[in-house]
Amino acid sequence: MIGRLETLRWRAGWIAVVLALYALAPAAWCDNQEQGRFLLAAPGLTDPNFAETVVLLIRHDTDGALGLIVNRPTRVTAREVLPEFAALSGYQAPVFFGGPVMVDRMMVLLRSDEAPAEGELVADDVYVSASGTVLAGLPADHARPEQVRIFAGHAGWGPGQLDREIAAGGWHLVPASMDMLFAAPKGPDWRQLLPDTRPLSAEAPGPSGQTLPAYVRR
């Protein structure tokens, strides 16, 4: 049960937290030429939060950047932490570590032919939401890993920060494949997506001595 993961502080009353997820302004996804692209950690990036990660960029503009790490499954299943959502009763996929920011909050990626009421388009037929109502209204036959991915936390950068890290060689931007994102049980393969370039020696800023929590699979 997720209650064993004290570092996440997901205990009694957790569902109330999910239903009161932080609001994301609709404008956050507008006018982003980078929106819906994959951000790949360069081989020399050693910050444990981001080493060998594939990040789906949701926002990248003058106010900063926001994304979800999409290839870091945890050891916890979504139905363990979200038992109140009937649609997830047969859902087998884990919660993914979306990033080191606000890891006690959930974000959902959803493939849908119709835009959910509280979701924003990322790319193609994929929407992102931080609202529990999206899961509450999810049809049971739609709650499959090929259609839904659930993330704890997200990745974030301040104004100009990501641009500087890209310029320093810490990241690569590549076209995102939504099919690849949802098809692989552990998310997109970082090695497969990495451009064929000479390894760079670069490291994005990160707290000294920081390590990933034990529940994140590597």
N, C-alpha and C. Protein backbone atom coordinates (compact mmCIF):
# COMPACT_ATOMS: atom_id res chain seq x y z
N MET A 1 0.83 -1.20 0.00
CA MET A 1 0.00 0.00 0.00
C MET A 1 0.87 1.25 0.00
N ILE A 2 0.33 2.31 -0.59
CA ILE A 2 1.12 3.54 -0.69
C ILE A 2 1.43 4.13 0.67
N GLY A 3 0.65 3.80 1.69
CA GLY A 3 0.90 4.33 3.02
C GLY A 3 2.27 3.97 3.55
N ARG A 4 2.89 2.91 2.98
CA ARG A 4 4.22 2.52 3.42
C ARG A 4 5.28 3.49 2.93
N LEU A 5 4.95 4.30 1.95
CA LEU A 5 5.93 5.21 1.39
C LEU A 5 5.87 6.53 2.12
N GLU A 6 6.54 6.60 3.21
CA GLU A 6 6.44 7.77 4.07
C GLU A 6 6.96 9.02 3.38
N THR A 7 7.91 8.86 2.44
CA THR A 7 8.45 10.02 1.78
C THR A 7 7.41 10.73 0.93
N LEU A 8 6.35 10.05 0.55
CA LEU A 8 5.31 10.68 -0.26
C LEU A 8 4.21 11.29 0.60
N ARG A 9 4.11 10.87 1.83
CA ARG A 9 3.10 11.35 2.76
C ARG A 9 1.68 11.13 2.22
N TRP A 10 1.49 9.99 1.55
CA TRP A 10 0.15 9.65 1.04
C TRP A 10 -0.49 8.69 2.02
N ARG A 11 -1.32 9.20 2.90
CA ARG A 11 -1.95 8.37 3.91
C ARG A 11 -3.45 8.65 3.93
N ALA A 12 -4.07 8.47 5.08
CA ALA A 12 -5.51 8.73 5.19
C ALA A 12 -5.82 10.14 4.73
N GLY A 13 -6.92 10.28 4.04
CA GLY A 13 -7.30 11.57 3.49
C GLY A 13 -6.67 11.85 2.14
N TRP A 14 -5.97 10.89 1.61
CA TRP A 14 -5.25 11.04 0.34
C TRP A 14 -6.19 11.35 -0.82
N ILE A 15 -7.36 10.71 -0.84
CA ILE A 15 -8.29 10.94 -1.94
C ILE A 15 -8.73 12.40 -1.96
N ALA A 16 -8.92 12.98 -0.78
CA ALA A 16 -9.30 14.39 -0.73
C ALA A 16 -8.24 15.27 -1.35
N VAL A 17 -6.98 14.87 -1.19
CA VAL A 17 -5.89 15.63 -1.79
C VAL A 17 -5.97 15.54 -3.30
N VAL A 18 -6.24 14.34 -3.81
CA VAL A 18 -6.34 14.15 -5.25
C VAL A 18 -7.43 15.03 -5.84
N LEU A 19 -8.59 15.07 -5.16
CA LEU A 19 -9.72 15.83 -5.68
C LEU A 19 -9.52 17.33 -5.54
N ALA A 20 -8.49 17.74 -4.81
CA ALA A 20 -8.20 19.16 -4.66
C ALA A 20 -6.85 19.49 -5.28
N LEU A 21 -6.54 18.82 -6.38
CA LEU A 21 -5.25 19.01 -7.04
C LEU A 21 -5.05 20.47 -7.43
N TYR A 22 -3.79 20.87 -7.44
CA TYR A 22 -3.48 22.24 -7.76
C TYR A 22 -3.99 22.59 -9.16
N ALA A 23 -4.48 23.82 -9.28
CA ALA A 23 -5.06 24.24 -10.55
C ALA A 23 -3.96 24.61 -11.53
N LEU A 24 -4.12 24.19 -12.78
CA LEU A 24 -3.20 24.57 -13.84
C LEU A 24 -3.96 25.49 -14.79
N ALA A 25 -3.48 26.71 -14.95
CA ALA A 25 -4.20 27.68 -15.79
C ALA A 25 -4.25 27.20 -17.22
N PRO A 26 -5.40 27.33 -17.90
CA PRO A 26 -5.51 26.90 -19.27
C PRO A 26 -4.46 27.52 -20.17
N ALA A 27 -4.07 28.76 -19.89
CA ALA A 27 -3.08 29.43 -20.73
C ALA A 27 -1.72 28.78 -20.66
N ALA A 28 -1.50 27.93 -19.66
CA ALA A 28 -0.18 27.33 -19.49
C ALA A 28 0.23 26.48 -20.67
N TRP A 29 -0.74 25.98 -21.44
CA TRP A 29 -0.40 25.10 -22.56
C TRP A 29 -0.48 25.83 -23.90
N CYS A 30 -0.65 27.13 -23.89
CA CYS A 30 -0.85 27.86 -25.14
C CYS A 30 0.46 28.42 -25.68
N ASP A 31 0.54 28.49 -27.01
CA ASP A 31 1.65 29.17 -27.69
C ASP A 31 3.01 28.60 -27.30
N ASN A 32 3.10 27.28 -27.26
CA ASN A 32 4.37 26.63 -26.95
C ASN A 32 4.84 25.83 -28.15
N GLN A 33 5.87 26.29 -28.83
CA GLN A 33 6.36 25.54 -29.97
C GLN A 33 7.03 24.23 -29.53
N GLU A 34 7.42 24.14 -28.28
CA GLU A 34 8.06 22.93 -27.76
C GLU A 34 7.02 21.95 -27.19
N GLN A 35 5.79 22.38 -27.03
CA GLN A 35 4.77 21.56 -26.41
C GLN A 35 4.63 20.23 -27.15
N GLY A 36 4.55 19.15 -26.38
CA GLY A 36 4.36 17.84 -26.98
C GLY A 36 5.63 17.25 -27.56
N ARG A 37 6.79 17.75 -27.17
CA ARG A 37 8.06 17.17 -27.62
C ARG A 37 8.71 16.45 -26.45
N PHE A 38 9.60 15.52 -26.78
CA PHE A 38 10.36 14.82 -25.75
C PHE A 38 11.64 15.58 -25.46
N LEU A 39 11.93 15.70 -24.18
CA LEU A 39 13.18 16.26 -23.70
C LEU A 39 13.99 15.09 -23.16
N LEU A 40 15.15 14.82 -23.77
CA LEU A 40 15.97 13.67 -23.39
C LEU A 40 17.19 14.12 -22.62
N ALA A 41 17.42 13.50 -21.48
CA ALA A 41 18.61 13.81 -20.70
C ALA A 41 19.85 13.38 -21.48
N ALA A 42 20.84 14.25 -21.57
CA ALA A 42 22.10 13.89 -22.22
C ALA A 42 22.83 12.85 -21.39
N PRO A 43 23.67 12.02 -22.00
CA PRO A 43 24.37 10.98 -21.25
C PRO A 43 25.17 11.50 -20.07
N GLY A 44 25.65 12.73 -20.14
CA GLY A 44 26.47 13.27 -19.06
C GLY A 44 25.67 13.91 -17.94
N LEU A 45 24.35 13.95 -18.05
CA LEU A 45 23.54 14.56 -17.00
C LEU A 45 23.39 13.55 -15.85
N THR A 46 23.93 13.89 -14.70
CA THR A 46 24.02 12.93 -13.60
C THR A 46 23.10 13.22 -12.42
N ASP A 47 22.33 14.31 -12.46
CA ASP A 47 21.35 14.56 -11.41
C ASP A 47 20.44 13.34 -11.32
N PRO A 48 20.35 12.66 -10.17
CA PRO A 48 19.58 11.42 -10.08
C PRO A 48 18.11 11.58 -10.42
N ASN A 49 17.57 12.77 -10.27
CA ASN A 49 16.17 12.99 -10.64
C ASN A 49 15.95 12.88 -12.14
N PHE A 50 17.00 13.15 -12.92
CA PHE A 50 16.81 13.27 -14.36
C PHE A 50 17.73 12.39 -15.21
N ALA A 51 18.68 11.70 -14.62
CA ALA A 51 19.59 10.87 -15.40
C ALA A 51 18.80 9.84 -16.22
N GLU A 52 19.07 9.78 -17.51
CA GLU A 52 18.46 8.83 -18.44
C GLU A 52 16.93 8.95 -18.49
N THR A 53 16.44 10.16 -18.37
CA THR A 53 14.99 10.35 -18.40
C THR A 53 14.51 10.82 -19.76
N VAL A 54 13.24 10.52 -20.01
CA VAL A 54 12.49 11.06 -21.13
C VAL A 54 11.39 11.92 -20.53
N VAL A 55 11.38 13.20 -20.85
CA VAL A 55 10.41 14.13 -20.31
C VAL A 55 9.48 14.59 -21.43
N LEU A 56 8.17 14.46 -21.20
CA LEU A 56 7.20 15.02 -22.13
C LEU A 56 7.00 16.48 -21.75
N LEU A 57 7.37 17.39 -22.65
CA LEU A 57 7.22 18.81 -22.37
C LEU A 57 5.77 19.22 -22.54
N ILE A 58 5.21 19.82 -21.52
CA ILE A 58 3.84 20.31 -21.55
C ILE A 58 3.81 21.81 -21.75
N ARG A 59 4.79 22.47 -21.19
CA ARG A 59 4.90 23.92 -21.37
C ARG A 59 6.36 24.32 -21.42
N HIS A 60 6.70 25.23 -22.34
CA HIS A 60 8.05 25.79 -22.42
C HIS A 60 7.94 27.16 -23.06
N ASP A 61 7.96 28.20 -22.23
CA ASP A 61 7.82 29.55 -22.74
C ASP A 61 8.63 30.50 -21.87
N THR A 62 8.38 31.78 -21.98
CA THR A 62 9.17 32.76 -21.24
C THR A 62 8.97 32.68 -19.74
N ASP A 63 7.89 32.04 -19.30
CA ASP A 63 7.64 31.89 -17.87
C ASP A 63 8.33 30.68 -17.26
N GLY A 64 8.93 29.85 -18.11
CA GLY A 64 9.60 28.65 -17.62
C GLY A 64 9.13 27.43 -18.38
N ALA A 65 9.29 26.26 -17.78
CA ALA A 65 8.92 25.02 -18.46
C ALA A 65 8.35 24.04 -17.45
N LEU A 66 7.46 23.19 -17.95
CA LEU A 66 6.84 22.16 -17.13
C LEU A 66 6.72 20.90 -17.96
N GLY A 67 7.03 19.76 -17.35
CA GLY A 67 6.93 18.50 -18.08
C GLY A 67 6.73 17.34 -17.13
N LEU A 68 6.57 16.16 -17.72
CA LEU A 68 6.41 14.92 -16.96
C LEU A 68 7.47 13.92 -17.39
N ILE A 69 8.18 13.37 -16.41
CA ILE A 69 9.08 12.26 -16.70
C ILE A 69 8.20 11.06 -17.02
N VAL A 70 8.37 10.46 -18.20
CA VAL A 70 7.45 9.42 -18.63
C VAL A 70 8.08 8.03 -18.67
N ASN A 71 9.30 7.89 -18.17
CA ASN A 71 9.93 6.57 -18.19
C ASN A 71 10.48 6.16 -16.82
N ARG A 72 9.80 6.60 -15.75
CA ARG A 72 10.21 6.24 -14.40
C ARG A 72 9.03 5.61 -13.63
N PRO A 73 8.70 4.35 -13.91
CA PRO A 73 7.62 3.71 -13.14
C PRO A 73 8.05 3.48 -11.70
N THR A 74 7.12 3.61 -10.77
CA THR A 74 7.41 3.31 -9.37
C THR A 74 7.01 1.86 -9.09
N ARG A 75 7.17 1.43 -7.86
CA ARG A 75 6.79 0.08 -7.46
C ARG A 75 5.35 0.03 -6.93
N VAL A 76 4.62 1.10 -7.09
CA VAL A 76 3.27 1.22 -6.55
C VAL A 76 2.27 1.28 -7.69
N THR A 77 1.20 0.50 -7.62
CA THR A 77 0.18 0.54 -8.65
C THR A 77 -0.81 1.67 -8.39
N ALA A 78 -1.39 2.16 -9.47
CA ALA A 78 -2.34 3.26 -9.35
C ALA A 78 -3.56 2.86 -8.53
N ARG A 79 -4.02 1.64 -8.66
CA ARG A 79 -5.22 1.23 -7.93
C ARG A 79 -4.95 1.12 -6.42
N GLU A 80 -3.69 1.00 -6.02
CA GLU A 80 -3.36 0.99 -4.59
C GLU A 80 -3.58 2.37 -3.97
N VAL A 81 -3.22 3.41 -4.70
CA VAL A 81 -3.31 4.75 -4.14
C VAL A 81 -4.62 5.45 -4.49
N LEU A 82 -5.36 4.88 -5.44
CA LEU A 82 -6.61 5.49 -5.86
C LEU A 82 -7.75 4.47 -5.81
N PRO A 83 -7.99 3.85 -4.67
CA PRO A 83 -9.01 2.80 -4.58
C PRO A 83 -10.43 3.32 -4.75
N GLU A 84 -10.65 4.60 -4.59
CA GLU A 84 -11.99 5.16 -4.70
C GLU A 84 -12.48 5.28 -6.14
N PHE A 85 -11.57 5.16 -7.10
CA PHE A 85 -11.95 5.31 -8.50
C PHE A 85 -12.24 3.95 -9.10
N ALA A 86 -13.53 3.68 -9.32
CA ALA A 86 -13.96 2.36 -9.78
C ALA A 86 -13.32 1.97 -11.10
N ALA A 87 -13.09 2.92 -11.97
CA ALA A 87 -12.52 2.62 -13.28
C ALA A 87 -11.12 2.02 -13.19
N LEU A 88 -10.43 2.24 -12.05
CA LEU A 88 -9.06 1.75 -11.90
C LEU A 88 -9.00 0.39 -11.20
N SER A 89 -10.13 -0.24 -10.93
CA SER A 89 -10.14 -1.50 -10.18
C SER A 89 -9.35 -2.59 -10.89
N GLY A 90 -9.35 -2.56 -12.21
CA GLY A 90 -8.59 -3.56 -12.95
C GLY A 90 -7.36 -3.01 -13.63
N TYR A 91 -6.99 -1.79 -13.27
CA TYR A 91 -5.86 -1.12 -13.90
C TYR A 91 -4.55 -1.68 -13.34
N GLN A 92 -3.68 -2.16 -14.21
CA GLN A 92 -2.49 -2.86 -13.75
C GLN A 92 -1.21 -2.01 -13.75
N ALA A 93 -1.26 -0.87 -14.38
CA ALA A 93 -0.03 -0.09 -14.53
C ALA A 93 0.35 0.62 -13.23
N PRO A 94 1.64 0.91 -13.05
CA PRO A 94 2.08 1.63 -11.85
C PRO A 94 1.87 3.12 -11.97
N VAL A 95 1.99 3.79 -10.84
CA VAL A 95 2.14 5.24 -10.84
C VAL A 95 3.56 5.53 -11.33
N PHE A 96 3.71 6.55 -12.17
CA PHE A 96 5.03 6.95 -12.65
C PHE A 96 5.54 8.13 -11.83
N PHE A 97 6.84 8.19 -11.63
CA PHE A 97 7.48 9.33 -11.00
C PHE A 97 7.56 10.43 -12.05
N GLY A 98 6.67 11.43 -11.94
CA GLY A 98 6.61 12.47 -12.95
C GLY A 98 7.66 13.55 -12.81
N GLY A 99 8.28 13.60 -11.64
CA GLY A 99 9.31 14.61 -11.42
C GLY A 99 9.40 14.97 -9.95
N PRO A 100 10.45 15.69 -9.60
CA PRO A 100 10.69 15.96 -8.17
C PRO A 100 9.85 17.08 -7.58
N VAL A 101 9.03 17.75 -8.38
CA VAL A 101 8.23 18.86 -7.88
C VAL A 101 6.84 18.36 -7.46
N MET A 102 6.45 18.63 -6.22
CA MET A 102 5.12 18.30 -5.69
C MET A 102 4.78 16.83 -5.92
N VAL A 103 5.59 15.95 -5.37
CA VAL A 103 5.39 14.51 -5.59
C VAL A 103 4.18 13.96 -4.85
N ASP A 104 3.53 14.76 -4.03
CA ASP A 104 2.32 14.32 -3.36
C ASP A 104 1.07 14.74 -4.13
N ARG A 105 1.24 15.17 -5.37
CA ARG A 105 0.13 15.55 -6.23
C ARG A 105 0.16 14.71 -7.50
N MET A 106 -1.01 14.45 -8.06
CA MET A 106 -1.14 13.61 -9.24
C MET A 106 -1.39 14.42 -10.50
N MET A 107 -0.87 13.91 -11.61
CA MET A 107 -1.21 14.40 -12.93
C MET A 107 -1.51 13.19 -13.81
N VAL A 108 -2.41 13.37 -14.75
CA VAL A 108 -2.88 12.27 -15.59
C VAL A 108 -2.67 12.62 -17.05
N LEU A 109 -2.13 11.66 -17.82
CA LEU A 109 -2.12 11.76 -19.27
C LEU A 109 -3.19 10.82 -19.80
N LEU A 110 -4.01 11.31 -20.70
CA LEU A 110 -5.17 10.55 -21.17
C LEU A 110 -5.27 10.65 -22.69
N ARG A 111 -5.43 9.50 -23.35
CA ARG A 111 -5.74 9.48 -24.77
C ARG A 111 -7.25 9.46 -24.93
N SER A 112 -7.76 10.38 -25.72
CA SER A 112 -9.21 10.46 -25.86
C SER A 112 -9.58 11.12 -27.17
N ASP A 113 -10.66 10.62 -27.79
CA ASP A 113 -11.17 11.25 -29.00
C ASP A 113 -11.87 12.57 -28.70
N GLU A 114 -12.29 12.72 -27.45
CA GLU A 114 -12.96 13.94 -27.03
C GLU A 114 -12.19 14.58 -25.89
N ALA A 115 -12.14 15.90 -25.91
CA ALA A 115 -11.41 16.61 -24.86
C ALA A 115 -12.13 16.47 -23.53
N PRO A 116 -11.43 16.01 -22.47
CA PRO A 116 -12.06 15.97 -21.14
C PRO A 116 -12.36 17.38 -20.65
N ALA A 117 -13.38 17.49 -19.81
CA ALA A 117 -13.83 18.80 -19.34
C ALA A 117 -12.74 19.56 -18.62
N GLU A 118 -11.88 18.84 -17.89
CA GLU A 118 -10.83 19.49 -17.12
C GLU A 118 -9.46 18.99 -17.56
N GLY A 119 -9.25 18.98 -18.87
CA GLY A 119 -7.97 18.58 -19.41
C GLY A 119 -7.54 19.55 -20.49
N GLU A 120 -6.24 19.56 -20.78
CA GLU A 120 -5.69 20.42 -21.82
C GLU A 120 -4.92 19.57 -22.82
N LEU A 121 -5.04 19.91 -24.09
CA LEU A 121 -4.38 19.16 -25.15
C LEU A 121 -2.86 19.33 -25.06
N VAL A 122 -2.16 18.20 -25.16
CA VAL A 122 -0.70 18.21 -25.20
C VAL A 122 -0.23 18.02 -26.64
N ALA A 123 -0.69 16.95 -27.27
CA ALA A 123 -0.36 16.66 -28.66
C ALA A 123 -1.28 15.55 -29.16
N ASP A 124 -1.61 15.61 -30.45
CA ASP A 124 -2.45 14.59 -31.07
C ASP A 124 -3.75 14.43 -30.28
N ASP A 125 -3.99 13.21 -29.76
CA ASP A 125 -5.20 12.95 -28.97
C ASP A 125 -4.90 12.78 -27.49
N VAL A 126 -3.81 13.35 -27.04
CA VAL A 126 -3.35 13.21 -25.65
C VAL A 126 -3.61 14.49 -24.88
N TYR A 127 -4.23 14.32 -23.71
CA TYR A 127 -4.58 15.45 -22.84
C TYR A 127 -3.92 15.26 -21.48
N VAL A 128 -3.65 16.35 -20.81
CA VAL A 128 -3.09 16.31 -19.46
C VAL A 128 -4.09 16.96 -18.52
N SER A 129 -4.19 16.42 -17.32
CA SER A 129 -5.11 16.98 -16.33
C SER A 129 -4.54 16.79 -14.93
N ALA A 130 -4.88 17.73 -14.06
CA ALA A 130 -4.53 17.63 -12.65
C ALA A 130 -5.80 17.55 -11.82
N SER A 131 -6.90 17.10 -12.44
CA SER A 131 -8.18 17.05 -11.76
C SER A 131 -8.63 15.61 -11.53
N GLY A 132 -9.07 15.32 -10.32
CA GLY A 132 -9.58 13.99 -10.00
C GLY A 132 -10.85 13.66 -10.73
N THR A 133 -11.58 14.68 -11.21
CA THR A 133 -12.83 14.41 -11.92
C THR A 133 -12.59 13.68 -13.23
N VAL A 134 -11.41 13.82 -13.80
CA VAL A 134 -11.09 13.10 -15.03
C VAL A 134 -11.09 11.60 -14.77
N LEU A 135 -10.50 11.19 -13.64
CA LEU A 135 -10.50 9.76 -13.29
C LEU A 135 -11.88 9.31 -12.83
N ALA A 136 -12.59 10.18 -12.13
CA ALA A 136 -13.91 9.80 -11.63
C ALA A 136 -14.87 9.51 -12.77
N GLY A 137 -14.72 10.21 -13.88
CA GLY A 137 -15.62 10.03 -15.00
C GLY A 137 -15.09 9.11 -16.08
N LEU A 138 -14.00 8.41 -15.79
CA LEU A 138 -13.37 7.55 -16.79
C LEU A 138 -14.15 6.25 -16.98
N PRO A 139 -14.56 5.92 -18.19
CA PRO A 139 -15.22 4.64 -18.43
C PRO A 139 -14.28 3.48 -18.11
N ALA A 140 -14.82 2.41 -17.54
CA ALA A 140 -13.98 1.28 -17.13
C ALA A 140 -13.20 0.71 -18.30
N ASP A 141 -13.81 0.67 -19.49
CA ASP A 141 -13.12 0.08 -20.63
C ASP A 141 -12.04 1.00 -21.20
N HIS A 142 -11.95 2.21 -20.66
CA HIS A 142 -10.93 3.16 -21.10
C HIS A 142 -9.72 3.18 -20.16
N ALA A 143 -9.87 2.56 -19.01
CA ALA A 143 -8.80 2.60 -18.00
C ALA A 143 -7.79 1.51 -18.27
N ARG A 144 -7.01 1.69 -19.31
CA ARG A 144 -5.94 0.77 -19.68
C ARG A 144 -4.65 1.55 -19.81
N PRO A 145 -3.50 0.92 -19.57
CA PRO A 145 -2.24 1.63 -19.70
C PRO A 145 -2.03 2.23 -21.09
N GLU A 146 -2.68 1.65 -22.10
CA GLU A 146 -2.56 2.18 -23.45
C GLU A 146 -3.33 3.48 -23.63
N GLN A 147 -4.17 3.81 -22.64
CA GLN A 147 -5.01 5.00 -22.72
C GLN A 147 -4.74 6.01 -21.60
N VAL A 148 -4.28 5.52 -20.46
CA VAL A 148 -4.14 6.37 -19.28
C VAL A 148 -2.80 6.11 -18.59
N ARG A 149 -2.10 7.16 -18.24
CA ARG A 149 -0.90 7.06 -17.42
C ARG A 149 -1.03 8.08 -16.28
N ILE A 150 -0.66 7.64 -15.07
CA ILE A 150 -0.81 8.46 -13.88
C ILE A 150 0.56 8.76 -13.29
N PHE A 151 0.78 10.02 -12.92
CA PHE A 151 2.10 10.48 -12.50
C PHE A 151 2.03 11.16 -11.14
N ALA A 152 3.05 10.92 -10.33
CA ALA A 152 3.22 11.62 -9.06
C ALA A 152 4.28 12.69 -9.27
N GLY A 153 3.85 13.94 -9.11
CA GLY A 153 4.79 15.04 -9.28
C GLY A 153 5.01 15.40 -10.73
N HIS A 154 5.81 16.43 -10.92
CA HIS A 154 6.16 16.86 -12.27
C HIS A 154 7.55 17.50 -12.24
N ALA A 155 8.06 17.81 -13.40
CA ALA A 155 9.35 18.49 -13.53
C ALA A 155 9.09 19.94 -13.88
N GLY A 156 9.87 20.83 -13.30
CA GLY A 156 9.65 22.25 -13.57
C GLY A 156 10.96 23.02 -13.62
N TRP A 157 10.98 24.06 -14.43
CA TRP A 157 12.14 24.93 -14.59
C TRP A 157 11.68 26.38 -14.55
N GLY A 158 12.47 27.25 -13.97
CA GLY A 158 12.15 28.66 -13.92
C GLY A 158 12.41 29.33 -15.25
N PRO A 159 12.08 30.62 -15.37
CA PRO A 159 12.28 31.35 -16.62
C PRO A 159 13.72 31.26 -17.12
N GLY A 160 13.87 30.77 -18.34
CA GLY A 160 15.19 30.68 -18.96
C GLY A 160 16.05 29.51 -18.49
N GLN A 161 15.66 28.82 -17.42
CA GLN A 161 16.50 27.77 -16.86
C GLN A 161 16.70 26.60 -17.82
N LEU A 162 15.61 26.10 -18.39
CA LEU A 162 15.74 24.96 -19.30
C LEU A 162 16.52 25.34 -20.54
N ASP A 163 16.31 26.55 -21.05
CA ASP A 163 17.04 27.00 -22.23
C ASP A 163 18.54 26.99 -21.96
N ARG A 164 18.94 27.42 -20.76
CA ARG A 164 20.36 27.42 -20.42
C ARG A 164 20.90 26.00 -20.32
N GLU A 165 20.09 25.09 -19.75
CA GLU A 165 20.54 23.71 -19.62
C GLU A 165 20.65 23.02 -20.97
N ILE A 166 19.73 23.34 -21.89
CA ILE A 166 19.82 22.79 -23.25
C ILE A 166 21.06 23.34 -23.95
N ALA A 167 21.31 24.64 -23.81
CA ALA A 167 22.47 25.27 -24.44
C ALA A 167 23.77 24.70 -23.90
N ALA A 168 23.76 24.29 -22.62
CA ALA A 168 24.96 23.71 -22.01
C ALA A 168 25.16 22.25 -22.40
N GLY A 169 24.22 21.68 -23.14
CA GLY A 169 24.36 20.30 -23.59
C GLY A 169 23.75 19.28 -22.65
N GLY A 170 22.92 19.72 -21.71
CA GLY A 170 22.35 18.79 -20.75
C GLY A 170 21.12 18.04 -21.24
N TRP A 171 20.50 18.57 -22.33
CA TRP A 171 19.26 17.97 -22.83
C TRP A 171 19.22 17.98 -24.35
N HIS A 172 18.43 17.04 -24.91
CA HIS A 172 18.14 17.02 -26.34
C HIS A 172 16.63 17.12 -26.52
N LEU A 173 16.19 17.87 -27.51
CA LEU A 173 14.78 17.94 -27.87
C LEU A 173 14.54 17.10 -29.12
N VAL A 174 13.56 16.21 -29.08
CA VAL A 174 13.24 15.36 -30.22
C VAL A 174 11.72 15.30 -30.38
N PRO A 175 11.23 14.97 -31.56
CA PRO A 175 9.78 14.82 -31.73
C PRO A 175 9.24 13.73 -30.81
N ALA A 176 8.07 13.97 -30.24
CA ALA A 176 7.47 13.01 -29.32
C ALA A 176 6.55 12.07 -30.07
N SER A 177 6.59 10.81 -29.70
CA SER A 177 5.68 9.80 -30.23
C SER A 177 4.70 9.42 -29.13
N MET A 178 3.43 9.77 -29.32
CA MET A 178 2.44 9.42 -28.32
C MET A 178 2.21 7.91 -28.28
N ASP A 179 2.33 7.25 -29.43
CA ASP A 179 2.19 5.79 -29.45
C ASP A 179 3.29 5.14 -28.62
N MET A 180 4.50 5.63 -28.76
CA MET A 180 5.61 5.08 -27.98
C MET A 180 5.41 5.34 -26.49
N LEU A 181 4.89 6.49 -26.16
CA LEU A 181 4.70 6.85 -24.76
C LEU A 181 3.75 5.88 -24.06
N PHE A 182 2.65 5.54 -24.73
CA PHE A 182 1.63 4.71 -24.09
C PHE A 182 1.82 3.22 -24.32
N ALA A 183 2.59 2.82 -25.31
CA ALA A 183 2.71 1.40 -25.63
C ALA A 183 3.67 0.66 -24.71
N ALA A 184 4.77 1.30 -24.33
CA ALA A 184 5.78 0.61 -23.54
C ALA A 184 5.39 0.60 -22.06
N PRO A 185 5.42 -0.57 -21.40
CA PRO A 185 5.03 -0.64 -19.98
C PRO A 185 5.81 0.29 -19.08
N LYS A 186 7.09 0.49 -19.39
CA LYS A 186 7.93 1.36 -18.57
C LYS A 186 8.11 2.74 -19.19
N GLY A 187 7.40 3.02 -20.26
CA GLY A 187 7.53 4.30 -20.93
C GLY A 187 8.55 4.23 -22.05
N PRO A 188 8.76 5.32 -22.77
CA PRO A 188 9.69 5.34 -23.89
C PRO A 188 11.11 4.96 -23.47
N ASP A 189 11.82 4.31 -24.38
CA ASP A 189 13.19 3.87 -24.13
C ASP A 189 14.16 5.03 -24.39
N TRP A 190 14.79 5.50 -23.34
CA TRP A 190 15.71 6.64 -23.45
C TRP A 190 16.83 6.36 -24.45
N ARG A 191 17.42 5.17 -24.40
CA ARG A 191 18.54 4.84 -25.29
C ARG A 191 18.10 4.81 -26.75
N GLN A 192 16.90 4.33 -26.99
CA GLN A 192 16.39 4.25 -28.35
C GLN A 192 16.15 5.63 -28.94
N LEU A 193 15.72 6.57 -28.11
CA LEU A 193 15.39 7.91 -28.59
C LEU A 193 16.59 8.84 -28.66
N LEU A 194 17.64 8.55 -27.91
CA LEU A 194 18.78 9.46 -27.81
C LEU A 194 19.43 9.66 -29.18
N PRO A 195 19.63 10.92 -29.59
CA PRO A 195 20.28 11.18 -30.88
C PRO A 195 21.68 10.57 -30.91
N ASP A 196 22.12 10.24 -32.10
CA ASP A 196 23.44 9.64 -32.27
C ASP A 196 24.49 10.75 -32.29
N THR A 197 24.81 11.21 -31.09
CA THR A 197 25.80 12.26 -30.95
C THR A 197 26.87 11.82 -29.96
N ARG A 198 27.99 12.49 -29.99
CA ARG A 198 29.04 12.20 -29.03
C ARG A 198 28.56 12.55 -27.63
N PRO A 199 28.76 11.65 -26.64
CA PRO A 199 28.30 11.94 -25.28
C PRO A 199 28.83 13.27 -24.78
N LEU A 200 27.98 14.01 -24.14
CA LEU A 200 28.34 15.32 -23.60
C LEU A 200 28.60 15.23 -22.11
N SER A 201 29.46 16.07 -21.64
CA SER A 201 29.69 16.14 -20.20
C SER A 201 28.95 17.36 -19.68
N ALA A 202 27.75 17.11 -19.20
CA ALA A 202 26.91 18.21 -18.74
C ALA A 202 26.08 17.73 -17.59
N GLU A 203 25.80 18.62 -16.68
CA GLU A 203 24.98 18.28 -15.52
C GLU A 203 24.06 19.43 -15.17
N ALA A 204 22.78 19.16 -15.18
CA ALA A 204 21.84 20.18 -14.76
C ALA A 204 21.95 20.38 -13.26
N PRO A 205 21.73 21.58 -12.78
CA PRO A 205 21.85 21.83 -11.34
C PRO A 205 20.92 20.93 -10.54
N GLY A 206 21.44 20.41 -9.43
CA GLY A 206 20.63 19.57 -8.56
C GLY A 206 21.21 19.59 -7.16
N PRO A 207 20.41 19.36 -6.14
CA PRO A 207 20.91 19.37 -4.76
C PRO A 207 22.05 18.37 -4.58
N SER A 208 23.06 18.77 -3.87
CA SER A 208 24.21 17.91 -3.63
C SER A 208 23.82 16.67 -2.84
N GLY A 209 24.30 15.50 -3.32
CA GLY A 209 24.06 14.26 -2.61
C GLY A 209 22.66 13.72 -2.74
N GLN A 210 21.85 14.29 -3.61
CA GLN A 210 20.45 13.88 -3.74
C GLN A 210 20.36 12.51 -4.39
N THR A 211 19.48 11.68 -3.91
CA THR A 211 19.26 10.37 -4.50
C THR A 211 17.77 10.18 -4.72
N LEU A 212 17.44 9.29 -5.64
CA LEU A 212 16.04 9.00 -5.90
C LEU A 212 15.44 8.18 -4.78
N PRO A 213 14.14 8.36 -4.51
CA PRO A 213 13.49 7.54 -3.48
C PRO A 213 13.46 6.08 -3.89
N ALA A 214 13.40 5.18 -2.90
CA ALA A 214 13.53 3.74 -3.14
C ALA A 214 12.40 3.17 -3.96
N TYR A 215 11.24 3.84 -3.97
CA TYR A 215 10.10 3.28 -4.68
C TYR A 215 10.17 3.52 -6.19
N VAL A 216 11.13 4.29 -6.66
CA VAL A 216 11.28 4.53 -8.09
C VAL A 216 12.20 3.47 -8.68
N ARG A 217 11.71 2.75 -9.66
CA ARG A 217 12.49 1.70 -10.28
C ARG A 217 13.48 2.30 -11.29
N ARG A 218 14.68 1.78 -11.32
CA ARG A 218 15.69 2.21 -12.27
C ARG A 218 16.09 1.06 -13.17
